[in-house]
C-alpha atoms as a PDB file:
ATOM      1  CA  MET A   1    -122.393  43.625  90.753  1.00  0.00           C
ATOM      2  CA  ILE A   2    -120.978  40.082  90.988  1.00  0.00           C
ATOM      3  CA  ALA A   3    -121.669  37.812  88.049  1.00  0.00           C
ATOM      4  CA  ASP A   4    -124.012  34.821  88.595  1.00  0.00           C
ATOM      5  CA  GLU A   5    -121.120  32.400  87.747  1.00  0.00           C
ATOM      6  CA  THR A   6    -118.925  33.871  90.360  1.00  0.00           C
ATOM      7  CA  ILE A   7    -121.683  33.643  93.044  1.00  0.00           C
ATOM      8  CA  LYS A   8    -122.213  30.037  92.091  1.00  0.00           C
ATOM      9  CA  LYS A   9    -118.483  29.329  92.423  1.00  0.00           C
ATOM     10  CA  ILE A  10    -118.306  31.072  95.817  1.00  0.00           C
ATOM     11  CA  ILE A  11    -121.168  28.965  97.138  1.00  0.00           C
ATOM     12  CA  GLU A  12    -119.700  25.771  95.783  1.00  0.00           C
ATOM     13  CA  GLU A  13    -116.325  26.474  97.497  1.00  0.00           C
ATOM     14  CA  ALA A  14    -117.998  27.454 100.752  1.00  0.00           C
ATOM     15  CA  LEU A  15    -120.010  24.202 100.809  1.00  0.00           C
ATOM     16  CA  SER A  16    -116.824  22.240 100.031  1.00  0.00           C
ATOM     17  CA  ILE A  17    -114.956  23.846 102.949  1.00  0.00           C
ATOM     18  CA  LEU A  18    -117.800  23.056 105.405  1.00  0.00           C
ATOM     19  CA  LYS A  19    -117.922  19.511 104.253  1.00  0.00           C
ATOM     20  CA  LYS A  20    -114.211  18.704 104.051  1.00  0.00           C
ATOM     21  CA  ILE A  21    -112.683  21.019 106.839  1.00  0.00           C
ATOM     22  CA  GLY A  22    -115.737  21.797 108.886  1.00  0.00           C
ATOM     23  CA  ILE A  23    -116.020  24.322 111.670  1.00  0.00           C
ATOM     24  CA  LEU A  24    -113.981  24.527 114.887  1.00  0.00           C
ATOM     25  CA  VAL A  25    -116.077  23.770 118.019  1.00  0.00           C
ATOM     26  CA  GLU A  26    -114.050  24.248 121.240  1.00  0.00           C
ATOM     27  CA  ASN A  27    -116.911  23.528 123.742  1.00  0.00           C
ATOM     28  CA  GLN A  28    -116.801  19.859 124.655  1.00  0.00           C
ATOM     29  CA  GLU A  29    -120.474  19.738 125.642  1.00  0.00           C
ATOM     30  CA  ALA A  30    -121.485  21.201 122.207  1.00  0.00           C
ATOM     31  CA  LEU A  31    -119.286  18.570 120.472  1.00  0.00           C
ATOM     32  CA  ARG A  32    -120.958  15.819 122.513  1.00  0.00           C
ATOM     33  CA  LEU A  33    -124.431  17.060 121.558  1.00  0.00           C
ATOM     34  CA  LEU A  34    -123.500  17.492 117.860  1.00  0.00           C
ATOM     35  CA  LYS A  35    -122.063  13.931 117.750  1.00  0.00           C
ATOM     36  CA  GLY A  36    -125.232  12.763 119.491  1.00  0.00           C
ATOM     37  CA  ALA A  37    -127.287  14.429 116.752  1.00  0.00           C
ATOM     38  CA  GLY A  38    -125.450  12.441 114.094  1.00  0.00           C
ATOM     39  CA  MET A  39    -122.860  15.023 113.052  1.00  0.00           C
ATOM     40  CA  VAL A  40    -119.494  13.838 111.799  1.00  0.00           C
ATOM     41  CA  LEU A  41    -116.556  15.037 114.016  1.00  0.00           C
ATOM     42  CA  LYS A  42    -112.848  15.264 113.106  1.00  0.00           C
ATOM     43  CA  GLU A  43    -111.207  15.983 116.442  1.00  0.00           C
ATOM     44  CA  ASN A  44    -112.810  19.229 117.529  1.00  0.00           C
ATOM     45  CA  ARG A  45    -114.118  20.190 114.055  1.00  0.00           C
ATOM     46  CA  VAL A  46    -117.710  19.426 112.923  1.00  0.00           C
ATOM     47  CA  LEU A  47    -118.251  18.577 109.278  1.00  0.00           C
ATOM     48  CA  ILE A  48    -121.295  20.232 107.726  1.00  0.00           C
ATOM     49  CA  THR A  49    -123.128  18.588 104.815  1.00  0.00           C
ATOM     50  CA  GLU A  50    -124.553  20.447 101.947  1.00  0.00           C
ATOM     51  CA  ASP A  51    -127.983  19.025 102.818  1.00  0.00           C
ATOM     52  CA  LEU A  52    -127.841  20.352 106.299  1.00  0.00           C
ATOM     53  CA  VAL A  53    -126.804  23.829 105.028  1.00  0.00           C
ATOM     54  CA  ARG A  54    -129.611  23.925 102.538  1.00  0.00           C
ATOM     55  CA  THR A  55    -132.174  22.721 105.136  1.00  0.00           C
ATOM     56  CA  CYS A  56    -131.007  25.519 107.552  1.00  0.00           C
ATOM     57  CA  LEU A  57    -131.166  28.105 104.792  1.00  0.00           C
ATOM     58  CA  LYS A  58    -134.784  27.216 104.061  1.00  0.00           C
ATOM     59  CA  SER A  59    -135.720  28.007 107.679  1.00  0.00           C
ATOM     60  CA  ALA A  60    -133.721  31.143 107.897  1.00  0.00           C
ATOM     61  CA  PRO A  61    -135.418  34.518 107.357  1.00  0.00           C
ATOM     62  CA  SER A  62    -134.789  36.105 103.913  1.00  0.00           C
ATOM     63  CA  THR A  63    -133.844  39.366 105.542  1.00  0.00           C
ATOM     64  CA  ILE A  64    -132.764  40.692 108.955  1.00  0.00           C
ATOM     65  CA  LYS A  65    -132.759  44.085 110.385  1.00  0.00           C
ATOM     66  CA  ILE A  66    -129.584  45.484 111.895  1.00  0.00           C
ATOM     67  CA  TYR A  67    -129.876  48.328 114.387  1.00  0.00           C
ATOM     68  CA  ALA A  68    -127.200  50.589 115.605  1.00  0.00           C
ATOM     69  CA  ILE A  69    -126.745  50.705 119.354  1.00  0.00           C
END
């Protein structure tokens, strides 16, 4: 099992990467929509704030079922 302190550090680092580096979006229409929604863009990367991540996590299901095809 992973120690609570290690989990906390992983989450902090992930949030930092999303905020400082962002995610690559290659679709120009998606970039336009994200910018229109108030997201910060750096070239073709979208910077994701911690607040947005936490808001999205609140609306995500706590579990998902994965089925074999």
